Amino acid sequence: MLRRLVGAFDQAAAVVACALVVALLADVSLGAITRSLGDPLIWTDELARFLMVWLAVAGWIIASRKRLHVRIRYFQDLLPRRGHHSVELAIQLAMALFGALILVYGVGLVTKNLDLEATTLPISMSWMYVPLLPAGAVTLAQAIREFVAALHAERPPRQPTPTRGRA
Protein backbone atom coordinates (compact mmCIF):
# COMPACT_ATOMS: atom_id res chain seq x y z
CA MET A 1 0.00 0.00 0.00
CA LEU A 2 2.87 2.35 0.80
CA ARG A 3 4.36 1.75 -2.65
CA ARG A 4 1.04 2.71 -4.28
CA LEU A 5 0.86 5.84 -2.17
CA VAL A 6 4.42 6.80 -3.10
CA GLY A 7 3.69 6.02 -6.77
CA ALA A 8 0.58 8.22 -6.63
CA PHE A 9 2.65 11.01 -5.08
CA ASP A 10 5.24 10.71 -7.87
CA GLN A 11 2.51 10.84 -10.52
CA ALA A 12 0.87 13.83 -8.84
CA ALA A 13 4.23 15.64 -8.76
CA ALA A 14 4.64 15.02 -12.50
CA VAL A 15 1.11 16.27 -13.22
CA VAL A 16 1.69 19.39 -11.11
CA ALA A 17 4.98 20.05 -12.91
CA CYS A 18 3.28 19.72 -16.30
CA ALA A 19 0.45 22.04 -15.22
CA LEU A 20 3.00 24.58 -13.99
CA VAL A 21 4.86 24.47 -17.32
CA VAL A 22 1.61 25.07 -19.19
CA ALA A 23 0.58 27.88 -16.83
CA LEU A 24 4.00 29.51 -17.11
CA LEU A 25 3.93 29.26 -20.90
CA ALA A 26 0.42 30.77 -21.03
CA ASP A 27 1.35 33.56 -18.62
CA VAL A 28 4.55 34.53 -20.44
CA SER A 29 2.78 34.34 -23.81
CA LEU A 30 -0.03 36.54 -22.55
CA GLY A 31 2.49 39.04 -21.23
CA ALA A 32 4.39 39.11 -24.53
CA ILE A 33 1.22 39.47 -26.61
CA THR A 34 -0.20 42.30 -24.51
CA ARG A 35 3.16 44.12 -24.55
CA SER A 36 3.35 43.85 -28.32
CA LEU A 37 -0.18 45.27 -28.56
CA GLY A 38 0.91 48.30 -26.51
CA ASP A 39 -1.29 47.52 -23.47
CA PRO A 40 0.79 45.26 -21.18
CA LEU A 41 -0.71 43.37 -18.28
CA ILE A 42 1.67 44.22 -15.45
CA TRP A 43 0.77 41.23 -13.29
CA THR A 44 2.11 38.66 -15.79
CA ASP A 45 5.75 39.26 -14.77
CA GLU A 46 5.05 38.72 -11.08
CA LEU A 47 2.93 35.65 -11.75
CA ALA A 48 5.77 34.25 -13.89
CA ARG A 49 8.13 34.65 -10.92
CA PHE A 50 5.76 32.73 -8.65
CA LEU A 51 5.27 30.00 -11.26
CA MET A 52 9.01 29.66 -11.88
CA VAL A 53 9.70 29.15 -8.16
CA TRP A 54 6.97 26.52 -7.95
CA LEU A 55 8.22 24.83 -11.13
CA ALA A 56 11.82 24.77 -9.89
CA VAL A 57 10.73 23.14 -6.64
CA ALA A 58 8.56 20.62 -8.53
CA GLY A 59 11.65 19.73 -10.57
CA TRP A 60 13.66 19.41 -7.35
CA ILE A 61 11.08 17.01 -5.92
CA ILE A 62 10.87 14.92 -9.08
CA ALA A 63 14.66 14.74 -9.45
CA SER A 64 15.03 13.74 -5.80
CA ARG A 65 12.40 11.04 -6.04
CA LYS A 66 13.91 9.58 -9.23
CA ARG A 67 17.45 10.01 -7.89
CA LEU A 68 18.35 12.15 -10.90
CA HIS A 69 19.99 14.92 -8.91
CA VAL A 70 23.59 15.78 -9.59
CA ARG A 71 25.95 13.77 -7.48
CA ILE A 72 29.69 13.65 -7.92
CA ARG A 73 31.14 10.49 -6.43
CA TYR A 74 34.67 10.70 -7.79
CA PHE A 75 36.40 11.05 -4.41
CA GLN A 76 33.94 8.78 -2.64
CA ASP A 77 34.62 6.04 -5.18
CA LEU A 78 38.36 6.27 -4.43
CA LEU A 79 37.74 5.18 -0.85
CA PRO A 80 37.86 1.59 0.36
CA ARG A 81 34.48 -0.10 0.84
CA ARG A 82 34.22 0.70 4.52
CA GLY A 83 35.08 4.36 3.93
CA HIS A 84 32.71 4.57 0.96
CA HIS A 85 29.89 3.15 3.09
CA SER A 86 30.62 5.54 5.97
CA VAL A 87 30.70 8.56 3.65
CA GLU A 88 27.41 7.48 2.07
CA LEU A 89 25.77 7.32 5.49
CA ALA A 90 27.17 10.75 6.38
CA ILE A 91 25.92 12.24 3.10
CA GLN A 92 22.41 10.90 3.70
CA LEU A 93 22.39 12.26 7.27
CA ALA A 94 23.52 15.65 5.94
CA MET A 95 20.73 15.55 3.33
CA ALA A 96 18.18 14.70 6.03
CA LEU A 97 19.42 17.65 8.09
CA PHE A 98 19.24 19.88 5.00
CA GLY A 99 15.64 18.77 4.32
CA ALA A 100 14.66 19.38 7.94
CA LEU A 101 16.23 22.85 7.88
CA ILE A 102 14.47 23.74 4.62
CA LEU A 103 11.19 22.61 6.15
CA VAL A 104 11.66 24.53 9.41
CA TYR A 105 12.92 27.73 7.79
CA GLY A 106 10.24 27.41 5.10
CA VAL A 107 7.55 27.43 7.78
CA GLY A 108 9.16 30.57 9.22
CA LEU A 109 9.25 32.30 5.84
CA VAL A 110 5.65 31.41 5.08
CA THR A 111 4.40 32.72 8.43
CA LYS A 112 6.50 35.91 8.26
CA ASN A 113 5.13 36.78 4.82
CA LEU A 114 1.45 35.98 5.39
CA ASP A 115 0.50 39.63 5.82
CA LEU A 116 2.66 40.93 2.96
CA GLU A 117 0.76 41.25 -0.32
CA ALA A 118 2.35 40.82 -3.74
CA THR A 119 2.88 44.04 -5.70
CA THR A 120 0.60 43.37 -8.66
CA LEU A 121 -1.36 40.28 -7.58
CA PRO A 122 -3.97 40.09 -4.83
CA ILE A 123 -2.18 37.21 -3.08
CA SER A 124 0.14 36.90 -0.12
CA MET A 125 3.90 36.81 -0.72
CA SER A 126 3.95 33.72 1.48
CA TRP A 127 2.90 31.74 -1.61
CA MET A 128 6.42 32.35 -2.93
CA TYR A 129 7.78 30.29 -0.02
CA VAL A 130 5.10 27.60 0.31
CA PRO A 131 6.93 25.23 -2.11
CA LEU A 132 9.78 25.00 0.40
CA LEU A 133 7.52 22.94 2.67
CA PRO A 134 6.99 19.94 0.37
CA ALA A 135 10.57 20.27 -0.90
CA GLY A 136 11.97 20.07 2.62
CA ALA A 137 9.64 17.22 3.57
CA VAL A 138 10.46 15.20 0.45
CA THR A 139 14.19 15.83 0.83
CA LEU A 140 14.04 14.73 4.48
CA ALA A 141 11.97 11.61 3.72
CA GLN A 142 14.10 10.65 0.72
CA ALA A 143 17.33 11.05 2.71
CA ILE A 144 15.97 8.92 5.54
CA ARG A 145 14.90 6.25 3.05
CA GLU A 146 18.31 6.25 1.36
CA PHE A 147 20.09 6.24 4.73
CA VAL A 148 18.15 3.15 5.81
CA ALA A 149 18.81 1.51 2.44
CA ALA A 150 22.53 2.28 2.72
CA LEU A 151 22.56 1.04 6.30
CA HIS A 152 21.08 -2.30 5.22
CA ALA A 153 23.05 -2.48 1.99
CA GLU A 154 26.04 -4.64 1.59
CA ARG A 155 27.95 -3.84 4.72
CA PRO A 156 31.69 -4.06 4.69
CA PRO A 157 32.91 -7.34 6.11
CA ARG A 158 34.04 -7.27 9.70
CA GLN A 159 37.70 -7.63 10.26
CA PRO A 160 38.46 -10.92 11.98
CA THR A 161 39.39 -10.42 15.59
CA PRO A 162 42.91 -11.52 16.25
CA THR A 163 43.11 -14.64 18.36
CA ARG A 164 45.83 -15.29 20.77
CA GLY A 165 48.20 -17.88 19.52
CA ARG A 166 47.28 -21.46 20.23
CA ALA A 167 49.84 -24.11 20.55
C-alpha atoms as a PDB file:
ATOM      1  CA  MET A   1       0.000   0.000   0.000  1.00  0.00           C
ATOM      2  CA  LEU A   2       2.869   2.347   0.801  1.00  0.00           C
ATOM      3  CA  ARG A   3       4.358   1.750  -2.649  1.00  0.00           C
ATOM      4  CA  ARG A   4       1.043   2.707  -4.284  1.00  0.00           C
ATOM      5  CA  LEU A   5       0.857   5.844  -2.171  1.00  0.00           C
ATOM      6  CA  VAL A   6       4.425   6.798  -3.099  1.00  0.00           C
ATOM      7  CA  GLY A   7       3.690   6.022  -6.768  1.00  0.00           C
ATOM      8  CA  ALA A   8       0.584   8.218  -6.630  1.00  0.00           C
ATOM      9  CA  PHE A   9       2.651  11.013  -5.077  1.00  0.00           C
ATOM     10  CA  ASP A  10       5.241  10.715  -7.867  1.00  0.00           C
ATOM     11  CA  GLN A  11       2.512  10.838 -10.521  1.00  0.00           C
ATOM     12  CA  ALA A  12       0.872  13.832  -8.836  1.00  0.00           C
ATOM     13  CA  ALA A  13       4.234  15.638  -8.759  1.00  0.00           C
ATOM     14  CA  ALA A  14       4.640  15.022 -12.500  1.00  0.00           C
ATOM     15  CA  VAL A  15       1.114  16.267 -13.224  1.00  0.00           C
ATOM     16  CA  VAL A  16       1.689  19.388 -11.106  1.00  0.00           C
ATOM     17  CA  ALA A  17       4.980  20.048 -12.908  1.00  0.00           C
ATOM     18  CA  CYS A  18       3.279  19.719 -16.301  1.00  0.00           C
ATOM     19  CA  ALA A  19       0.452  22.037 -15.219  1.00  0.00           C
ATOM     20  CA  LEU A  20       3.004  24.575 -13.993  1.00  0.00           C
ATOM     21  CA  VAL A  21       4.864  24.472 -17.316  1.00  0.00           C
ATOM     22  CA  VAL A  22       1.608  25.072 -19.194  1.00  0.00           C
ATOM     23  CA  ALA A  23       0.579  27.879 -16.828  1.00  0.00           C
ATOM     24  CA  LEU A  24       4.002  29.515 -17.111  1.00  0.00           C
ATOM     25  CA  LEU A  25       3.928  29.262 -20.896  1.00  0.00           C
ATOM     26  CA  ALA A  26       0.416  30.767 -21.032  1.00  0.00           C
ATOM     27  CA  ASP A  27       1.353  33.558 -18.621  1.00  0.00           C
ATOM     28  CA  VAL A  28       4.554  34.531 -20.439  1.00  0.00           C
ATOM     29  CA  SER A  29       2.778  34.341 -23.812  1.00  0.00           C
ATOM     30  CA  LEU A  30      -0.035  36.545 -22.548  1.00  0.00           C
ATOM     31  CA  GLY A  31       2.489  39.044 -21.234  1.00  0.00           C
ATOM     32  CA  ALA A  32       4.389  39.115 -24.534  1.00  0.00           C
ATOM     33  CA  ILE A  33       1.216  39.466 -26.613  1.00  0.00           C
ATOM     34  CA  THR A  34      -0.201  42.300 -24.507  1.00  0.00           C
ATOM     35  CA  ARG A  35       3.157  44.120 -24.549  1.00  0.00           C
ATOM     36  CA  SER A  36       3.349  43.848 -28.321  1.00  0.00           C
ATOM     37  CA  LEU A  37      -0.182  45.273 -28.561  1.00  0.00           C
ATOM     38  CA  GLY A  38       0.912  48.296 -26.513  1.00  0.00           C
ATOM     39  CA  ASP A  39      -1.290  47.525 -23.467  1.00  0.00           C
ATOM     40  CA  PRO A  40       0.791  45.258 -21.185  1.00  0.00           C
ATOM     41  CA  LEU A  41      -0.706  43.367 -18.283  1.00  0.00           C
ATOM     42  CA  ILE A  42       1.668  44.216 -15.447  1.00  0.00           C
ATOM     43  CA  TRP A  43       0.772  41.227 -13.294  1.00  0.00           C
ATOM     44  CA  THR A  44       2.107  38.658 -15.792  1.00  0.00           C
ATOM     45  CA  ASP A  45       5.746  39.255 -14.766  1.00  0.00           C
ATOM     46  CA  GLU A  46       5.052  38.721 -11.082  1.00  0.00           C
ATOM     47  CA  LEU A  47       2.935  35.645 -11.748  1.00  0.00           C
ATOM     48  CA  ALA A  48       5.766  34.252 -13.892  1.00  0.00           C
ATOM     49  CA  ARG A  49       8.131  34.653 -10.916  1.00  0.00           C
ATOM     50  CA  PHE A  50       5.764  32.727  -8.654  1.00  0.00           C
ATOM     51  CA  LEU A  51       5.273  29.999 -11.262  1.00  0.00           C
ATOM     52  CA  MET A  52       9.013  29.664 -11.878  1.00  0.00           C
ATOM     53  CA  VAL A  53       9.698  29.154  -8.161  1.00  0.00           C
ATOM     54  CA  TRP A  54       6.966  26.520  -7.949  1.00  0.00           C
ATOM     55  CA  LEU A  55       8.220  24.828 -11.129  1.00  0.00           C
ATOM     56  CA  ALA A  56      11.825  24.771  -9.892  1.00  0.00           C
ATOM     57  CA  VAL A  57      10.729  23.135  -6.641  1.00  0.00           C
ATOM     58  CA  ALA A  58       8.558  20.624  -8.526  1.00  0.00           C
ATOM     59  CA  GLY A  59      11.647  19.730 -10.566  1.00  0.00           C
ATOM     60  CA  TRP A  60      13.664  19.409  -7.354  1.00  0.00           C
ATOM     61  CA  ILE A  61      11.079  17.011  -5.917  1.00  0.00           C
ATOM     62  CA  ILE A  62      10.870  14.919  -9.084  1.00  0.00           C
ATOM     63  CA  ALA A  63      14.659  14.737  -9.449  1.00  0.00           C
ATOM     64  CA  SER A  64      15.032  13.741  -5.801  1.00  0.00           C
ATOM     65  CA  ARG A  65      12.398  11.042  -6.044  1.00  0.00           C
ATOM     66  CA  LYS A  66      13.913   9.579  -9.231  1.00  0.00           C
ATOM     67  CA  ARG A  67      17.455  10.006  -7.887  1.00  0.00           C
ATOM     68  CA  LEU A  68      18.346  12.149 -10.900  1.00  0.00           C
ATOM     69  CA  HIS A  69      19.986  14.919  -8.909  1.00  0.00           C
ATOM     70  CA  VAL A  70      23.594  15.785  -9.589  1.00  0.00           C
ATOM     71  CA  ARG A  71      25.954  13.773  -7.477  1.00  0.00           C
ATOM     72  CA  ILE A  72      29.688  13.650  -7.920  1.00  0.00           C
ATOM     73  CA  ARG A  73      31.142  10.487  -6.434  1.00  0.00           C
ATOM     74  CA  TYR A  74      34.675  10.702  -7.786  1.00  0.00           C
ATOM     75  CA  PHE A  75      36.397  11.046  -4.414  1.00  0.00           C
ATOM     76  CA  GLN A  76      33.935   8.780  -2.637  1.00  0.00           C
ATOM     77  CA  ASP A  77      34.625   6.040  -5.178  1.00  0.00           C
ATOM     78  CA  LEU A  78      38.356   6.268  -4.434  1.00  0.00           C
ATOM     79  CA  LEU A  79      37.737   5.183  -0.850  1.00  0.00           C
ATOM     80  CA  PRO A  80      37.856   1.585   0.360  1.00  0.00           C
ATOM     81  CA  ARG A  81      34.482  -0.104   0.838  1.00  0.00           C
ATOM     82  CA  ARG A  82      34.217   0.696   4.524  1.00  0.00           C
ATOM     83  CA  GLY A  83      35.080   4.359   3.927  1.00  0.00           C
ATOM     84  CA  HIS A  84      32.707   4.568   0.957  1.00  0.00           C
ATOM     85  CA  HIS A  85      29.893   3.154   3.087  1.00  0.00           C
ATOM     86  CA  SER A  86      30.619   5.545   5.967  1.00  0.00           C
ATOM     87  CA  VAL A  87      30.703   8.561   3.652  1.00  0.00           C
ATOM     88  CA  GLU A  88      27.414   7.478   2.072  1.00  0.00           C
ATOM     89  CA  LEU A  89      25.768   7.324   5.490  1.00  0.00           C
ATOM     90  CA  ALA A  90      27.171  10.750   6.384  1.00  0.00           C
ATOM     91  CA  ILE A  91      25.920  12.239   3.102  1.00  0.00           C
ATOM     92  CA  GLN A  92      22.414  10.901   3.699  1.00  0.00           C
ATOM     93  CA  LEU A  93      22.394  12.258   7.272  1.00  0.00           C
ATOM     94  CA  ALA A  94      23.521  15.645   5.935  1.00  0.00           C
ATOM     95  CA  MET A  95      20.731  15.549   3.335  1.00  0.00           C
ATOM     96  CA  ALA A  96      18.183  14.702   6.034  1.00  0.00           C
ATOM     97  CA  LEU A  97      19.420  17.654   8.093  1.00  0.00           C
ATOM     98  CA  PHE A  98      19.236  19.878   5.002  1.00  0.00           C
ATOM     99  CA  GLY A  99      15.639  18.771   4.322  1.00  0.00           C
ATOM    100  CA  ALA A 100      14.658  19.381   7.942  1.00  0.00           C
ATOM    101  CA  LEU A 101      16.225  22.852   7.884  1.00  0.00           C
ATOM    102  CA  ILE A 102      14.472  23.740   4.618  1.00  0.00           C
ATOM    103  CA  LEU A 103      11.189  22.605   6.151  1.00  0.00           C
ATOM    104  CA  VAL A 104      11.658  24.527   9.412  1.00  0.00           C
ATOM    105  CA  TYR A 105      12.917  27.728   7.790  1.00  0.00           C
ATOM    106  CA  GLY A 106      10.244  27.407   5.096  1.00  0.00           C
ATOM    107  CA  VAL A 107       7.549  27.434   7.775  1.00  0.00           C
ATOM    108  CA  GLY A 108       9.162  30.566   9.220  1.00  0.00           C
ATOM    109  CA  LEU A 109       9.253  32.303   5.843  1.00  0.00           C
ATOM    110  CA  VAL A 110       5.645  31.411   5.084  1.00  0.00           C
ATOM    111  CA  THR A 111       4.396  32.717   8.427  1.00  0.00           C
ATOM    112  CA  LYS A 112       6.501  35.910   8.258  1.00  0.00           C
ATOM    113  CA  ASN A 113       5.131  36.780   4.818  1.00  0.00           C
ATOM    114  CA  LEU A 114       1.450  35.977   5.388  1.00  0.00           C
ATOM    115  CA  ASP A 115       0.500  39.629   5.823  1.00  0.00           C
ATOM    116  CA  LEU A 116       2.665  40.925   2.959  1.00  0.00           C
ATOM    117  CA  GLU A 117       0.764  41.250  -0.320  1.00  0.00           C
ATOM    118  CA  ALA A 118       2.354  40.821  -3.740  1.00  0.00           C
ATOM    119  CA  THR A 119       2.885  44.037  -5.697  1.00  0.00           C
ATOM    120  CA  THR A 120       0.595  43.366  -8.663  1.00  0.00           C
ATOM    121  CA  LEU A 121      -1.355  40.284  -7.582  1.00  0.00           C
ATOM    122  CA  PRO A 122      -3.969  40.093  -4.833  1.00  0.00           C
ATOM    123  CA  ILE A 123      -2.183  37.206  -3.079  1.00  0.00           C
ATOM    124  CA  SER A 124       0.143  36.899  -0.121  1.00  0.00           C
ATOM    125  CA  MET A 125       3.896  36.807  -0.716  1.00  0.00           C
ATOM    126  CA  SER A 126       3.955  33.715   1.480  1.00  0.00           C
ATOM    127  CA  TRP A 127       2.895  31.737  -1.611  1.00  0.00           C
ATOM    128  CA  MET A 128       6.417  32.355  -2.930  1.00  0.00           C
ATOM    129  CA  TYR A 129       7.782  30.287  -0.024  1.00  0.00           C
ATOM    130  CA  VAL A 130       5.098  27.602   0.306  1.00  0.00           C
ATOM    131  CA  PRO A 131       6.932  25.233  -2.107  1.00  0.00           C
ATOM    132  CA  LEU A 132       9.776  24.997   0.405  1.00  0.00           C
ATOM    133  CA  LEU A 133       7.515  22.943   2.671  1.00  0.00           C
ATOM    134  CA  PRO A 134       6.989  19.941   0.369  1.00  0.00           C
ATOM    135  CA  ALA A 135      10.573  20.269  -0.903  1.00  0.00           C
ATOM    136  CA  GLY A 136      11.970  20.065   2.619  1.00  0.00           C
ATOM    137  CA  ALA A 137       9.637  17.224   3.573  1.00  0.00           C
ATOM    138  CA  VAL A 138      10.456  15.196   0.453  1.00  0.00           C
ATOM    139  CA  THR A 139      14.193  15.825   0.830  1.00  0.00           C
ATOM    140  CA  LEU A 140      14.041  14.733   4.478  1.00  0.00           C
ATOM    141  CA  ALA A 141      11.970  11.611   3.723  1.00  0.00           C
ATOM    142  CA  GLN A 142      14.099  10.648   0.717  1.00  0.00           C
ATOM    143  CA  ALA A 143      17.326  11.045   2.709  1.00  0.00           C
ATOM    144  CA  ILE A 144      15.972   8.917   5.545  1.00  0.00           C
ATOM    145  CA  ARG A 145      14.897   6.254   3.049  1.00  0.00           C
ATOM    146  CA  GLU A 146      18.309   6.252   1.355  1.00  0.00           C
ATOM    147  CA  PHE A 147      20.091   6.243   4.734  1.00  0.00           C
ATOM    148  CA  VAL A 148      18.146   3.153   5.809  1.00  0.00           C
ATOM    149  CA  ALA A 149      18.814   1.509   2.439  1.00  0.00           C
ATOM    150  CA  ALA A 150      22.533   2.282   2.724  1.00  0.00           C
ATOM    151  CA  LEU A 151      22.558   1.042   6.296  1.00  0.00           C
ATOM    152  CA  HIS A 152      21.080  -2.296   5.223  1.00  0.00           C
ATOM    153  CA  ALA A 153      23.049  -2.476   1.991  1.00  0.00           C
ATOM    154  CA  GLU A 154      26.038  -4.641   1.585  1.00  0.00           C
ATOM    155  CA  ARG A 155      27.945  -3.836   4.717  1.00  0.00           C
ATOM    156  CA  PRO A 156      31.689  -4.062   4.694  1.00  0.00           C
ATOM    157  CA  PRO A 157      32.907  -7.340   6.107  1.00  0.00           C
ATOM    158  CA  ARG A 158      34.039  -7.270   9.699  1.00  0.00           C
ATOM    159  CA  GLN A 159      37.702  -7.635  10.260  1.00  0.00           C
ATOM    160  CA  PRO A 160      38.461 -10.915  11.980  1.00  0.00           C
ATOM    161  CA  THR A 161      39.392 -10.424  15.586  1.00  0.00           C
ATOM    162  CA  PRO A 162      42.911 -11.516  16.251  1.00  0.00           C
ATOM    163  CA  THR A 163      43.108 -14.645  18.358  1.00  0.00           C
ATOM    164  CA  ARG A 164      45.833 -15.295  20.770  1.00  0.00           C
ATOM    165  CA  GLY A 165      48.204 -17.884  19.524  1.00  0.00           C
ATOM    166  CA  ARG A 166      47.275 -21.458  20.231  1.00  0.00           C
ATOM    167  CA  ALA A 167      49.843 -24.114  20.549  1.00  0.00           C
END
